[in-house]
Amino acid sequence: MTVKAPHRSLKAFEIRAFLSGSGFVIKWQKPNPATDENVYVTVPGVKEPLKNPSLARPAVALKLVDPAENNAWFDIIIVGGGPAGLSAAVYAGTEGLKTLVIEDDVPGGQVGPSTEIANYFGFPDGIAGFELARRALSRPASTRWPGSPPIRPPRCASATPRSRTR
């Protein structure tokens, strides 16, 4: 993943913080020519670099969140994608409910960028915040109880479709 932007660009810093907090390694490049104030994000699998993207555009391109659907219905909507919200989403999906998680930052909420969460239930040796979120959002269907409804993995949507740059 490459971010090409001036070193002091607030928008580029915001994008870099979001992507690194989501577990991606970022390569920083200076713009060419040096007077170019635009921010370019190169996403693997996307032909053209994203120019001055909102946080939602690279998130959708990397499949961290799902694109918005018109007239979509959900059985449950959970506001907040931190550990509690993701846990609720996993349990709702286990019951076969169509679930949407709304988060305004990285999946995992404020713990998403954390390198280690100690003493979290089920992880006695600790776990990285983005790994906890990744596991919750890709909950395997192999852990179903016989006769239970099909598990529906939760969808995660960004609550901020635009950049928070002022």
C-alpha atoms as a PDB file:
ATOM      1  CA  MET A   1       0.000   0.000   0.000  1.00  0.00           C
ATOM      2  CA  THR A   2       1.448   3.346  -1.004  1.00  0.00           C
ATOM      3  CA  VAL A   3       0.488   6.872   0.051  1.00  0.00           C
ATOM      4  CA  LYS A   4       1.999   9.612  -2.103  1.00  0.00           C
ATOM      5  CA  ALA A   5       1.545  13.060  -0.616  1.00  0.00           C
ATOM      6  CA  PRO A   6       3.343  16.028   0.901  1.00  0.00           C
ATOM      7  CA  HIS A   7       4.818  15.155   4.282  1.00  0.00           C
ATOM      8  CA  ARG A   8       2.676  17.696   6.155  1.00  0.00           C
ATOM      9  CA  SER A   9      -0.640  16.804   4.551  1.00  0.00           C
ATOM     10  CA  LEU A  10      -3.325  16.398   7.222  1.00  0.00           C
ATOM     11  CA  LYS A  11      -5.477  14.319   4.853  1.00  0.00           C
ATOM     12  CA  ALA A  12      -2.556  11.967   4.090  1.00  0.00           C
ATOM     13  CA  PHE A  13      -1.811  11.590   7.807  1.00  0.00           C
ATOM     14  CA  GLU A  14      -5.460  10.710   8.474  1.00  0.00           C
ATOM     15  CA  ILE A  15      -5.440   8.081   5.697  1.00  0.00           C
ATOM     16  CA  ARG A  16      -2.117   6.657   6.875  1.00  0.00           C
ATOM     17  CA  ALA A  17      -3.382   6.416  10.489  1.00  0.00           C
ATOM     18  CA  PHE A  18      -6.574   4.678   9.344  1.00  0.00           C
ATOM     19  CA  LEU A  19      -4.757   2.143   7.158  1.00  0.00           C
ATOM     20  CA  SER A  20      -1.998   1.362   9.651  1.00  0.00           C
ATOM     21  CA  GLY A  21      -4.617   1.056  12.399  1.00  0.00           C
ATOM     22  CA  SER A  22      -6.368  -1.497  10.202  1.00  0.00           C
ATOM     23  CA  GLY A  23      -3.196  -3.587  10.023  1.00  0.00           C
ATOM     24  CA  PHE A  24      -1.749  -2.481   6.679  1.00  0.00           C
ATOM     25  CA  VAL A  25       1.891  -1.616   6.064  1.00  0.00           C
ATOM     26  CA  ILE A  26       2.178   1.804   4.437  1.00  0.00           C
ATOM     27  CA  LYS A  27       4.929   2.979   2.114  1.00  0.00           C
ATOM     28  CA  TRP A  28       5.206   6.777   2.076  1.00  0.00           C
ATOM     29  CA  GLN A  29       6.333   8.576  -1.094  1.00  0.00           C
ATOM     30  CA  LYS A  30       6.981  12.232  -1.737  1.00  0.00           C
ATOM     31  CA  PRO A  31       4.942  13.771  -4.550  1.00  0.00           C
ATOM     32  CA  ASN A  32       6.494  14.351  -7.934  1.00  0.00           C
ATOM     33  CA  PRO A  33       6.580  17.254  -8.676  1.00  0.00           C
ATOM     34  CA  ALA A  34       7.157  18.467  -5.123  1.00  0.00           C
ATOM     35  CA  THR A  35       4.514  21.186  -5.565  1.00  0.00           C
ATOM     36  CA  ASP A  36       1.694  18.604  -6.047  1.00  0.00           C
ATOM     37  CA  GLU A  37      -0.615  18.946  -3.010  1.00  0.00           C
ATOM     38  CA  ASN A  38      -2.847  15.983  -3.906  1.00  0.00           C
ATOM     39  CA  VAL A  39      -2.949  12.732  -1.943  1.00  0.00           C
ATOM     40  CA  TYR A  40      -2.711   9.497  -3.937  1.00  0.00           C
ATOM     41  CA  VAL A  41      -3.384   6.089  -2.393  1.00  0.00           C
ATOM     42  CA  THR A  42      -2.367   2.993  -4.323  1.00  0.00           C
ATOM     43  CA  VAL A  43      -4.472  -0.006  -3.312  1.00  0.00           C
ATOM     44  CA  PRO A  44      -3.456  -3.514  -4.434  1.00  0.00           C
ATOM     45  CA  GLY A  45      -5.888  -4.813  -7.040  1.00  0.00           C
ATOM     46  CA  VAL A  46      -7.131  -1.342  -8.022  1.00  0.00           C
ATOM     47  CA  LYS A  47      -5.813  -0.115 -11.390  1.00  0.00           C
ATOM     48  CA  GLU A  48      -5.706   3.615 -10.764  1.00  0.00           C
ATOM     49  CA  PRO A  49      -4.452   5.311  -7.580  1.00  0.00           C
ATOM     50  CA  LEU A  50      -7.220   6.901  -5.517  1.00  0.00           C
ATOM     51  CA  LYS A  51      -6.864  10.688  -5.720  1.00  0.00           C
ATOM     52  CA  ASN A  52      -7.745  12.666  -2.568  1.00  0.00           C
ATOM     53  CA  PRO A  53      -9.934   9.826  -1.273  1.00  0.00           C
ATOM     54  CA  SER A  54     -12.255   9.915   1.686  1.00  0.00           C
ATOM     55  CA  LEU A  55     -11.514   7.261   4.318  1.00  0.00           C
ATOM     56  CA  ALA A  56     -14.418   5.213   2.975  1.00  0.00           C
ATOM     57  CA  ARG A  57     -12.923   4.772  -0.529  1.00  0.00           C
ATOM     58  CA  PRO A  58      -9.770   2.833   0.466  1.00  0.00           C
ATOM     59  CA  ALA A  59     -11.802   1.003   3.139  1.00  0.00           C
ATOM     60  CA  VAL A  60     -14.259  -0.255   0.491  1.00  0.00           C
ATOM     61  CA  ALA A  61     -11.426  -1.056  -1.962  1.00  0.00           C
ATOM     62  CA  LEU A  62      -9.675  -3.133   0.731  1.00  0.00           C
ATOM     63  CA  LYS A  63     -12.975  -4.790   1.712  1.00  0.00           C
ATOM     64  CA  LEU A  64     -12.742  -3.479   5.279  1.00  0.00           C
ATOM     65  CA  VAL A  65     -16.293  -2.202   4.899  1.00  0.00           C
ATOM     66  CA  ASP A  66     -19.086  -2.965   2.476  1.00  0.00           C
ATOM     67  CA  PRO A  67     -20.343  -0.332   0.043  1.00  0.00           C
ATOM     68  CA  ALA A  68     -23.703   1.142   0.963  1.00  0.00           C
ATOM     69  CA  GLU A  69     -26.753  -0.525  -0.559  1.00  0.00           C
ATOM     70  CA  ASN A  70     -29.978   1.271  -1.350  1.00  0.00           C
ATOM     71  CA  ASN A  71     -33.019  -0.080   0.475  1.00  0.00           C
ATOM     72  CA  ALA A  72     -30.959  -2.547   2.538  1.00  0.00           C
ATOM     73  CA  TRP A  73     -32.762  -4.058   5.522  1.00  0.00           C
ATOM     74  CA  PHE A  74     -31.082  -5.457   8.620  1.00  0.00           C
ATOM     75  CA  ASP A  75     -32.385  -7.377  11.588  1.00  0.00           C
ATOM     76  CA  ILE A  76     -30.038  -5.519  13.910  1.00  0.00           C
ATOM     77  CA  ILE A  77     -27.851  -2.430  13.610  1.00  0.00           C
ATOM     78  CA  ILE A  78     -25.027  -2.025  16.103  1.00  0.00           C
ATOM     79  CA  VAL A  79     -23.547   1.426  16.576  1.00  0.00           C
ATOM     80  CA  GLY A  80     -19.898   1.126  17.546  1.00  0.00           C
ATOM     81  CA  GLY A  81     -17.432  -1.396  16.187  1.00  0.00           C
ATOM     82  CA  GLY A  82     -15.321  -1.803  19.302  1.00  0.00           C
ATOM     83  CA  PRO A  83     -14.900  -5.133  21.091  1.00  0.00           C
ATOM     84  CA  ALA A  84     -18.407  -5.024  22.602  1.00  0.00           C
ATOM     85  CA  GLY A  85     -20.069  -4.092  19.307  1.00  0.00           C
ATOM     86  CA  LEU A  86     -18.155  -6.749  17.376  1.00  0.00           C
ATOM     87  CA  SER A  87     -19.000  -9.361  20.026  1.00  0.00           C
ATOM     88  CA  ALA A  88     -22.684  -8.442  19.757  1.00  0.00           C
ATOM     89  CA  ALA A  89     -22.436  -8.692  15.954  1.00  0.00           C
ATOM     90  CA  VAL A  90     -20.834 -12.140  16.123  1.00  0.00           C
ATOM     91  CA  TYR A  91     -23.553 -13.437  18.458  1.00  0.00           C
ATOM     92  CA  ALA A  92     -26.323 -11.871  16.324  1.00  0.00           C
ATOM     93  CA  GLY A  93     -24.826 -13.488  13.210  1.00  0.00           C
ATOM     94  CA  THR A  94     -24.654 -16.806  15.036  1.00  0.00           C
ATOM     95  CA  GLU A  95     -28.415 -16.526  15.503  1.00  0.00           C
ATOM     96  CA  GLY A  96     -28.853 -15.937  11.764  1.00  0.00           C
ATOM     97  CA  LEU A  97     -29.637 -12.226  12.041  1.00  0.00           C
ATOM     98  CA  LYS A  98     -28.611  -9.898   9.223  1.00  0.00           C
ATOM     99  CA  THR A  99     -26.303  -7.526  11.095  1.00  0.00           C
ATOM    100  CA  LEU A 100     -24.785  -4.140  10.330  1.00  0.00           C
ATOM    101  CA  VAL A 101     -22.014  -2.617  12.448  1.00  0.00           C
ATOM    102  CA  ILE A 102     -21.514   1.143  12.119  1.00  0.00           C
ATOM    103  CA  GLU A 103     -18.101   2.470  13.141  1.00  0.00           C
ATOM    104  CA  ASP A 104     -16.577   5.895  12.439  1.00  0.00           C
ATOM    105  CA  ASP A 105     -12.979   4.713  12.684  1.00  0.00           C
ATOM    106  CA  VAL A 106     -11.198   1.426  12.047  1.00  0.00           C
ATOM    107  CA  PRO A 107     -13.033  -1.857  12.710  1.00  0.00           C
ATOM    108  CA  GLY A 108     -12.322  -2.598  16.347  1.00  0.00           C
ATOM    109  CA  GLY A 109     -12.948   0.995  17.362  1.00  0.00           C
ATOM    110  CA  GLN A 110     -10.364   2.616  19.574  1.00  0.00           C
ATOM    111  CA  VAL A 111      -8.640  -0.718  20.208  1.00  0.00           C
ATOM    112  CA  GLY A 112      -8.211  -1.337  16.444  1.00  0.00           C
ATOM    113  CA  PRO A 113      -4.820   0.400  16.274  1.00  0.00           C
ATOM    114  CA  SER A 114      -3.635  -1.212  19.535  1.00  0.00           C
ATOM    115  CA  THR A 115      -0.667  -3.529  19.113  1.00  0.00           C
ATOM    116  CA  GLU A 116      -1.752  -5.695  22.035  1.00  0.00           C
ATOM    117  CA  ILE A 117      -4.885  -6.069  24.101  1.00  0.00           C
ATOM    118  CA  ALA A 118      -3.984  -7.936  27.267  1.00  0.00           C
ATOM    119  CA  ASN A 119      -6.438 -10.001  29.309  1.00  0.00           C
ATOM    120  CA  TYR A 120      -9.164 -10.081  26.647  1.00  0.00           C
ATOM    121  CA  PHE A 121     -11.559 -12.992  27.105  1.00  0.00           C
ATOM    122  CA  GLY A 122     -10.403 -15.987  25.067  1.00  0.00           C
ATOM    123  CA  PHE A 123      -6.917 -14.611  24.389  1.00  0.00           C
ATOM    124  CA  PRO A 124      -4.792 -15.158  27.497  1.00  0.00           C
ATOM    125  CA  ASP A 125      -1.598 -14.216  25.632  1.00  0.00           C
ATOM    126  CA  GLY A 126      -3.107 -11.003  24.227  1.00  0.00           C
ATOM    127  CA  ILE A 127      -4.162 -10.083  20.718  1.00  0.00           C
ATOM    128  CA  ALA A 128      -3.646  -7.092  18.400  1.00  0.00           C
ATOM    129  CA  GLY A 129      -6.675  -4.849  18.004  1.00  0.00           C
ATOM    130  CA  PHE A 130      -6.909  -5.195  14.225  1.00  0.00           C
ATOM    131  CA  GLU A 131      -6.562  -8.999  14.522  1.00  0.00           C
ATOM    132  CA  LEU A 132      -9.454  -9.110  16.988  1.00  0.00           C
ATOM    133  CA  ALA A 133     -11.576  -7.071  14.555  1.00  0.00           C
ATOM    134  CA  ARG A 134     -10.515  -9.195  11.564  1.00  0.00           C
ATOM    135  CA  ARG A 135     -11.493 -12.385  13.374  1.00  0.00           C
ATOM    136  CA  ALA A 136     -14.855 -10.965  14.417  1.00  0.00           C
ATOM    137  CA  LEU A 137     -15.697  -9.777  10.897  1.00  0.00           C
ATOM    138  CA  SER A 138     -14.688 -13.088   9.298  1.00  0.00           C
ATOM    139  CA  ARG A 139     -16.406 -15.357  11.816  1.00  0.00           C
ATOM    140  CA  PRO A 140     -16.195 -18.902  10.414  1.00  0.00           C
ATOM    141  CA  ALA A 141     -19.433 -20.774   9.823  1.00  0.00           C
ATOM    142  CA  SER A 142     -17.725 -24.011  10.908  1.00  0.00           C
ATOM    143  CA  THR A 143     -18.535 -23.303  14.565  1.00  0.00           C
ATOM    144  CA  ARG A 144     -22.317 -23.627  14.103  1.00  0.00           C
ATOM    145  CA  TRP A 145     -24.365 -25.830  16.362  1.00  0.00           C
ATOM    146  CA  PRO A 146     -26.310 -28.563  14.532  1.00  0.00           C
ATOM    147  CA  GLY A 147     -29.765 -27.323  13.617  1.00  0.00           C
ATOM    148  CA  SER A 148     -28.888 -23.658  14.181  1.00  0.00           C
ATOM    149  CA  PRO A 149     -29.685 -21.007  11.560  1.00  0.00           C
ATOM    150  CA  PRO A 150     -26.945 -20.153   9.046  1.00  0.00           C
ATOM    151  CA  ILE A 151     -24.331 -17.747  10.386  1.00  0.00           C
ATOM    152  CA  ARG A 152     -24.297 -14.400   8.657  1.00  0.00           C
ATOM    153  CA  PRO A 153     -20.991 -12.561   9.030  1.00  0.00           C
ATOM    154  CA  PRO A 154     -21.555  -8.974  10.179  1.00  0.00           C
ATOM    155  CA  ARG A 155     -21.150  -6.148   7.717  1.00  0.00           C
ATOM    156  CA  CYS A 156     -19.195  -3.121   8.800  1.00  0.00           C
ATOM    157  CA  ALA A 157     -20.004   0.311   7.413  1.00  0.00           C
ATOM    158  CA  SER A 158     -18.236   3.604   7.904  1.00  0.00           C
ATOM    159  CA  ALA A 159     -20.181   6.294   9.701  1.00  0.00           C
ATOM    160  CA  THR A 160     -17.975   8.939   8.069  1.00  0.00           C
ATOM    161  CA  PRO A 161     -18.297   8.718   4.272  1.00  0.00           C
ATOM    162  CA  ARG A 162     -16.210  11.869   3.962  1.00  0.00           C
ATOM    163  CA  SER A 163     -12.858  12.894   5.350  1.00  0.00           C
ATOM    164  CA  ARG A 164     -12.793  14.444   8.806  1.00  0.00           C
ATOM    165  CA  THR A 165     -10.258  17.036   7.614  1.00  0.00           C
ATOM    166  CA  ARG A 166     -11.352  20.515   8.572  1.00  0.00           C
END
